Amino acid sequence: MLPVNAQLSWSLDARCPHCGRYIDLKNCGDGEDFARAIFNNNWGALKGVEVACPHCKKDFLIGEVEY
């Protein structure tokens, strides 16, 4: 059996409630905090976090994280 390397890719996508565009939240604010919460199964820690849309620059809050 030959070994292969596996690659993990992830995103935390949301639709801005103001402009309607989809954004990957891991690229907004402190992406490390988002990654820490996701990969430590502490998704509830993201509820209520304020995010600024990179497109329209308006703020919104993260609700539930679904998978």
PDB file of N, CA and C in Angstrom:
ATOM      1  N   MET A   1       0.851  -1.178   0.000  1.00  0.00           N
ATOM      2  CA  MET A   1       0.000   0.000   0.000  1.00  0.00           C
ATOM      3  C   MET A   1       0.891   1.234   0.000  1.00  0.00           C
ATOM      4  N   LEU A   2       0.617   2.171  -0.888  1.00  0.00           N
ATOM      5  CA  LEU A   2       1.410   3.391  -0.970  1.00  0.00           C
ATOM      6  C   LEU A   2       0.759   4.508  -0.162  1.00  0.00           C
ATOM      7  N   PRO A   3       1.545   5.228   0.641  1.00  0.00           N
ATOM      8  CA  PRO A   3       0.983   6.333   1.416  1.00  0.00           C
ATOM      9  C   PRO A   3       0.826   7.579   0.546  1.00  0.00           C
ATOM     10  N   VAL A   4      -0.167   8.364   0.855  1.00  0.00           N
ATOM     11  CA  VAL A   4      -0.376   9.650   0.194  1.00  0.00           C
ATOM     12  C   VAL A   4      -0.602  10.719   1.258  1.00  0.00           C
ATOM     13  N   ASN A   5      -0.309  11.933   0.923  1.00  0.00           N
ATOM     14  CA  ASN A   5      -0.598  13.041   1.827  1.00  0.00           C
ATOM     15  C   ASN A   5      -2.028  13.511   1.582  1.00  0.00           C
ATOM     16  N   ALA A   6      -2.718  13.809   2.640  1.00  0.00           N
ATOM     17  CA  ALA A   6      -4.083  14.328   2.550  1.00  0.00           C
ATOM     18  C   ALA A   6      -4.046  15.831   2.811  1.00  0.00           C
ATOM     19  N   GLN A   7      -4.927  16.570   2.156  1.00  0.00           N
ATOM     20  CA  GLN A   7      -5.004  18.006   2.354  1.00  0.00           C
ATOM     21  C   GLN A   7      -6.382  18.368   2.887  1.00  0.00           C
ATOM     22  N   LEU A   8      -6.376  19.175   3.907  1.00  0.00           N
ATOM     23  CA  LEU A   8      -7.609  19.659   4.502  1.00  0.00           C
ATOM     24  C   LEU A   8      -7.885  21.051   3.956  1.00  0.00           C
ATOM     25  N   SER A   9      -9.082  21.266   3.466  1.00  0.00           N
ATOM     26  CA  SER A   9      -9.494  22.609   3.073  1.00  0.00           C
ATOM     27  C   SER A   9     -10.817  22.894   3.774  1.00  0.00           C
ATOM     28  N   TRP A  10     -10.996  24.136   4.176  1.00  0.00           N
ATOM     29  CA  TRP A  10     -12.228  24.466   4.882  1.00  0.00           C
ATOM     30  C   TRP A  10     -12.629  25.898   4.547  1.00  0.00           C
ATOM     31  N   SER A  11     -13.891  26.157   4.755  1.00  0.00           N
ATOM     32  CA  SER A  11     -14.409  27.511   4.604  1.00  0.00           C
ATOM     33  C   SER A  11     -15.539  27.695   5.606  1.00  0.00           C
ATOM     34  N   LEU A  12     -15.813  28.918   5.911  1.00  0.00           N
ATOM     35  CA  LEU A  12     -16.917  29.275   6.800  1.00  0.00           C
ATOM     36  C   LEU A  12     -17.710  30.340   6.051  1.00  0.00           C
ATOM     37  N   ASP A  13     -18.660  29.880   5.255  1.00  0.00           N
ATOM     38  CA  ASP A  13     -19.359  30.755   4.322  1.00  0.00           C
ATOM     39  C   ASP A  13     -20.630  31.336   4.920  1.00  0.00           C
ATOM     40  N   ALA A  14     -20.873  32.599   4.599  1.00  0.00           N
ATOM     41  CA  ALA A  14     -22.097  33.274   5.026  1.00  0.00           C
ATOM     42  C   ALA A  14     -22.519  34.236   3.927  1.00  0.00           C
ATOM     43  N   ARG A  15     -23.793  34.514   3.907  1.00  0.00           N
ATOM     44  CA  ARG A  15     -24.331  35.487   2.958  1.00  0.00           C
ATOM     45  C   ARG A  15     -24.585  36.787   3.715  1.00  0.00           C
ATOM     46  N   CYS A  16     -24.018  37.870   3.224  1.00  0.00           N
ATOM     47  CA  CYS A  16     -24.213  39.158   3.872  1.00  0.00           C
ATOM     48  C   CYS A  16     -25.693  39.537   3.796  1.00  0.00           C
ATOM     49  N   PRO A  17     -26.306  39.877   4.941  1.00  0.00           N
ATOM     50  CA  PRO A  17     -27.729  40.237   4.919  1.00  0.00           C
ATOM     51  C   PRO A  17     -27.990  41.608   4.297  1.00  0.00           C
ATOM     52  N   HIS A  18     -26.947  42.373   4.047  1.00  0.00           N
ATOM     53  CA  HIS A  18     -27.110  43.713   3.476  1.00  0.00           C
ATOM     54  C   HIS A  18     -26.981  43.704   1.954  1.00  0.00           C
ATOM     55  N   CYS A  19     -25.892  43.117   1.441  1.00  0.00           N
ATOM     56  CA  CYS A  19     -25.669  43.159  -0.011  1.00  0.00           C
ATOM     57  C   CYS A  19     -25.953  41.821  -0.691  1.00  0.00           C
ATOM     58  N   GLY A  20     -26.139  40.755   0.087  1.00  0.00           N
ATOM     59  CA  GLY A  20     -26.500  39.461  -0.467  1.00  0.00           C
ATOM     60  C   GLY A  20     -25.349  38.654  -1.031  1.00  0.00           C
ATOM     61  N   ARG A  21     -24.128  39.156  -0.935  1.00  0.00           N
ATOM     62  CA  ARG A  21     -22.984  38.425  -1.477  1.00  0.00           C
ATOM     63  C   ARG A  21     -22.479  37.407  -0.462  1.00  0.00           C
ATOM     64  N   TYR A  22     -21.992  36.283  -0.969  1.00  0.00           N
ATOM     65  CA  TYR A  22     -21.415  35.254  -0.114  1.00  0.00           C
ATOM     66  C   TYR A  22     -19.964  35.587   0.173  1.00  0.00           C
ATOM     67  N   ILE A  23     -19.571  35.366   1.416  1.00  0.00           N
ATOM     68  CA  ILE A  23     -18.189  35.599   1.825  1.00  0.00           C
ATOM     69  C   ILE A  23     -17.696  34.420   2.652  1.00  0.00           C
ATOM     70  N   ASP A  24     -16.405  34.203   2.631  1.00  0.00           N
ATOM     71  CA  ASP A  24     -15.772  33.188   3.464  1.00  0.00           C
ATOM     72  C   ASP A  24     -15.285  33.897   4.723  1.00  0.00           C
ATOM     73  N   LEU A  25     -15.937  33.636   5.830  1.00  0.00           N
ATOM     74  CA  LEU A  25     -15.646  34.353   7.068  1.00  0.00           C
ATOM     75  C   LEU A  25     -14.237  34.118   7.583  1.00  0.00           C
ATOM     76  N   LYS A  26     -13.612  33.015   7.189  1.00  0.00           N
ATOM     77  CA  LYS A  26     -12.255  32.783   7.695  1.00  0.00           C
ATOM     78  C   LYS A  26     -11.294  33.838   7.175  1.00  0.00           C
ATOM     79  N   ASN A  27     -11.699  34.576   6.143  1.00  0.00           N
ATOM     80  CA  ASN A  27     -10.882  35.656   5.603  1.00  0.00           C
ATOM     81  C   ASN A  27     -11.273  37.017   6.167  1.00  0.00           C
ATOM     82  N   CYS A  28     -12.190  37.049   7.118  1.00  0.00           N
ATOM     83  CA  CYS A  28     -12.648  38.294   7.722  1.00  0.00           C
ATOM     84  C   CYS A  28     -12.234  38.324   9.191  1.00  0.00           C
ATOM     85  N   GLY A  29     -11.916  39.489   9.669  1.00  0.00           N
ATOM     86  CA  GLY A  29     -11.568  39.614  11.078  1.00  0.00           C
ATOM     87  C   GLY A  29     -10.387  38.738  11.439  1.00  0.00           C
ATOM     88  N   ASP A  30     -10.491  38.080  12.574  1.00  0.00           N
ATOM     89  CA  ASP A  30      -9.410  37.213  13.036  1.00  0.00           C
ATOM     90  C   ASP A  30      -9.732  35.776  12.662  1.00  0.00           C
ATOM     91  N   GLY A  31      -9.286  35.356  11.494  1.00  0.00           N
ATOM     92  CA  GLY A  31      -9.554  34.009  11.000  1.00  0.00           C
ATOM     93  C   GLY A  31      -9.056  32.924  11.924  1.00  0.00           C
ATOM     94  N   GLU A  32      -8.007  33.217  12.697  1.00  0.00           N
ATOM     95  CA  GLU A  32      -7.498  32.213  13.641  1.00  0.00           C
ATOM     96  C   GLU A  32      -8.524  31.901  14.711  1.00  0.00           C
ATOM     97  N   ASP A  33      -9.261  32.904  15.187  1.00  0.00           N
ATOM     98  CA  ASP A  33     -10.306  32.652  16.181  1.00  0.00           C
ATOM     99  C   ASP A  33     -11.401  31.770  15.604  1.00  0.00           C
ATOM    100  N   PHE A  34     -11.759  32.011  14.338  1.00  0.00           N
ATOM    101  CA  PHE A  34     -12.769  31.182  13.692  1.00  0.00           C
ATOM    102  C   PHE A  34     -12.267  29.747  13.566  1.00  0.00           C
ATOM    103  N   ALA A  35     -11.041  29.580  13.123  1.00  0.00           N
ATOM    104  CA  ALA A  35     -10.470  28.235  12.967  1.00  0.00           C
ATOM    105  C   ALA A  35     -10.399  27.520  14.308  1.00  0.00           C
ATOM    106  N   ARG A  36      -9.969  28.222  15.345  1.00  0.00           N
ATOM    107  CA  ARG A  36      -9.866  27.611  16.670  1.00  0.00           C
ATOM    108  C   ARG A  36     -11.232  27.097  17.133  1.00  0.00           C
ATOM    109  N   ALA A  37     -12.263  27.906  16.954  1.00  0.00           N
ATOM    110  CA  ALA A  37     -13.606  27.494  17.374  1.00  0.00           C
ATOM    111  C   ALA A  37     -14.099  26.305  16.560  1.00  0.00           C
ATOM    112  N   ILE A  38     -13.906  26.347  15.246  1.00  0.00           N
ATOM    113  CA  ILE A  38     -14.383  25.264  14.382  1.00  0.00           C
ATOM    114  C   ILE A  38     -13.662  23.960  14.684  1.00  0.00           C
ATOM    115  N   PHE A  39     -12.337  24.004  14.747  1.00  0.00           N
ATOM    116  CA  PHE A  39     -11.569  22.766  14.891  1.00  0.00           C
ATOM    117  C   PHE A  39     -11.514  22.237  16.318  1.00  0.00           C
ATOM    118  N   ASN A  40     -12.011  23.016  17.272  1.00  0.00           N
ATOM    119  CA  ASN A  40     -12.140  22.528  18.644  1.00  0.00           C
ATOM    120  C   ASN A  40     -13.584  22.215  18.990  1.00  0.00           C
ATOM    121  N   ASN A  41     -14.424  22.126  17.954  1.00  0.00           N
ATOM    122  CA  ASN A  41     -15.835  21.777  18.120  1.00  0.00           C
ATOM    123  C   ASN A  41     -16.540  22.714  19.105  1.00  0.00           C
ATOM    124  N   ASN A  42     -16.186  23.995  19.028  1.00  0.00           N
ATOM    125  CA  ASN A  42     -16.789  25.006  19.891  1.00  0.00           C
ATOM    126  C   ASN A  42     -17.504  26.039  19.019  1.00  0.00           C
ATOM    127  N   TRP A  43     -18.350  25.546  18.150  1.00  0.00           N
ATOM    128  CA  TRP A  43     -19.028  26.394  17.178  1.00  0.00           C
ATOM    129  C   TRP A  43     -19.869  27.479  17.824  1.00  0.00           C
ATOM    130  N   GLY A  44     -20.395  27.176  18.999  1.00  0.00           N
ATOM    131  CA  GLY A  44     -21.227  28.146  19.706  1.00  0.00           C
ATOM    132  C   GLY A  44     -20.474  29.421  20.059  1.00  0.00           C
ATOM    133  N   ALA A  45     -19.146  29.340  20.132  1.00  0.00           N
ATOM    134  CA  ALA A  45     -18.340  30.521  20.450  1.00  0.00           C
ATOM    135  C   ALA A  45     -18.421  31.571  19.349  1.00  0.00           C
ATOM    136  N   LEU A  46     -18.849  31.184  18.158  1.00  0.00           N
ATOM    137  CA  LEU A  46     -18.935  32.127  17.044  1.00  0.00           C
ATOM    138  C   LEU A  46     -20.273  32.852  16.990  1.00  0.00           C
ATOM    139  N   LYS A  47     -21.249  32.342  17.714  1.00  0.00           N
ATOM    140  CA  LYS A  47     -22.573  32.969  17.704  1.00  0.00           C
ATOM    141  C   LYS A  47     -22.476  34.372  18.300  1.00  0.00           C
ATOM    142  N   GLY A  48     -22.950  35.337  17.541  1.00  0.00           N
ATOM    143  CA  GLY A  48     -22.949  36.719  18.002  1.00  0.00           C
ATOM    144  C   GLY A  48     -21.685  37.496  17.675  1.00  0.00           C
ATOM    145  N   VAL A  49     -20.716  36.852  17.009  1.00  0.00           N
ATOM    146  CA  VAL A  49     -19.494  37.558  16.613  1.00  0.00           C
ATOM    147  C   VAL A  49     -19.826  38.530  15.478  1.00  0.00           C
ATOM    148  N   GLU A  50     -19.357  39.746  15.611  1.00  0.00           N
ATOM    149  CA  GLU A  50     -19.617  40.767  14.603  1.00  0.00           C
ATOM    150  C   GLU A  50     -18.597  40.668  13.474  1.00  0.00           C
ATOM    151  N   VAL A  51     -19.102  40.746  12.248  1.00  0.00           N
ATOM    152  CA  VAL A  51     -18.265  40.646  11.048  1.00  0.00           C
ATOM    153  C   VAL A  51     -18.586  41.820  10.140  1.00  0.00           C
ATOM    154  N   ALA A  52     -17.552  42.390   9.522  1.00  0.00           N
ATOM    155  CA  ALA A  52     -17.749  43.447   8.524  1.00  0.00           C
ATOM    156  C   ALA A  52     -17.643  42.823   7.143  1.00  0.00           C
ATOM    157  N   CYS A  53     -18.658  42.998   6.338  1.00  0.00           N
ATOM    158  CA  CYS A  53     -18.647  42.478   4.971  1.00  0.00           C
ATOM    159  C   CYS A  53     -17.553  43.179   4.177  1.00  0.00           C
ATOM    160  N   PRO A  54     -16.673  42.432   3.526  1.00  0.00           N
ATOM    161  CA  PRO A  54     -15.618  43.073   2.744  1.00  0.00           C
ATOM    162  C   PRO A  54     -16.132  43.753   1.472  1.00  0.00           C
ATOM    163  N   HIS A  55     -17.360  43.472   1.085  1.00  0.00           N
ATOM    164  CA  HIS A  55     -17.916  44.045  -0.144  1.00  0.00           C
ATOM    165  C   HIS A  55     -18.644  45.361   0.128  1.00  0.00           C
ATOM    166  N   CYS A  56     -19.606  45.330   1.041  1.00  0.00           N
ATOM    167  CA  CYS A  56     -20.402  46.534   1.300  1.00  0.00           C
ATOM    168  C   CYS A  56     -19.965  47.281   2.559  1.00  0.00           C
ATOM    169  N   LYS A  57     -19.056  46.671   3.331  1.00  0.00           N
ATOM    170  CA  LYS A  57     -18.485  47.286   4.534  1.00  0.00           C
ATOM    171  C   LYS A  57     -19.476  47.429   5.689  1.00  0.00           C
ATOM    172  N   LYS A  58     -20.634  46.793   5.588  1.00  0.00           N
ATOM    173  CA  LYS A  58     -21.609  46.850   6.679  1.00  0.00           C
ATOM    174  C   LYS A  58     -21.404  45.669   7.609  1.00  0.00           C
ATOM    175  N   ASP A  59     -21.740  45.872   8.870  1.00  0.00           N
ATOM    176  CA  ASP A  59     -21.568  44.839   9.889  1.00  0.00           C
ATOM    177  C   ASP A  59     -22.800  43.960  10.020  1.00  0.00           C
ATOM    178  N   PHE A  60     -22.557  42.709  10.415  1.00  0.00           N
ATOM    179  CA  PHE A  60     -23.632  41.779  10.766  1.00  0.00           C
ATOM    180  C   PHE A  60     -23.087  40.813  11.797  1.00  0.00           C
ATOM    181  N   LEU A  61     -23.979  40.052  12.418  1.00  0.00           N
ATOM    182  CA  LEU A  61     -23.596  39.090  13.440  1.00  0.00           C
ATOM    183  C   LEU A  61     -23.705  37.678  12.910  1.00  0.00           C
ATOM    184  N   ILE A  62     -22.794  36.828  13.340  1.00  0.00           N
ATOM    185  CA  ILE A  62     -22.890  35.412  13.006  1.00  0.00           C
ATOM    186  C   ILE A  62     -23.985  34.798  13.866  1.00  0.00           C
ATOM    187  N   GLY A  63     -24.875  34.063  13.242  1.00  0.00           N
ATOM    188  CA  GLY A  63     -25.912  33.327  13.974  1.00  0.00           C
ATOM    189  C   GLY A  63     -25.403  31.930  14.272  1.00  0.00           C
ATOM    190  N   GLU A  64     -26.153  30.932  13.922  1.00  0.00           N
ATOM    191  CA  GLU A  64     -25.745  29.552  14.109  1.00  0.00           C
ATOM    192  C   GLU A  64     -24.755  29.125  13.033  1.00  0.00           C
ATOM    193  N   VAL A  65     -23.852  28.232  13.385  1.00  0.00           N
ATOM    194  CA  VAL A  65     -22.953  27.626  12.410  1.00  0.00           C
ATOM    195  C   VAL A  65     -23.527  26.252  12.061  1.00  0.00           C
ATOM    196  N   GLU A  66     -23.834  26.053  10.805  1.00  0.00           N
ATOM    197  CA  GLU A  66     -24.423  24.785  10.342  1.00  0.00           C
ATOM    198  C   GLU A  66     -23.422  24.034   9.495  1.00  0.00           C
ATOM    199  N   TYR A  67     -23.610  22.730   9.425  1.00  0.00           N
ATOM    200  CA  TYR A  67     -22.762  21.937   8.545  1.00  0.00           C
ATOM    201  C   TYR A  67     -23.592  20.977   7.765  1.00  0.00           C
TER     202      TYR A  67
END
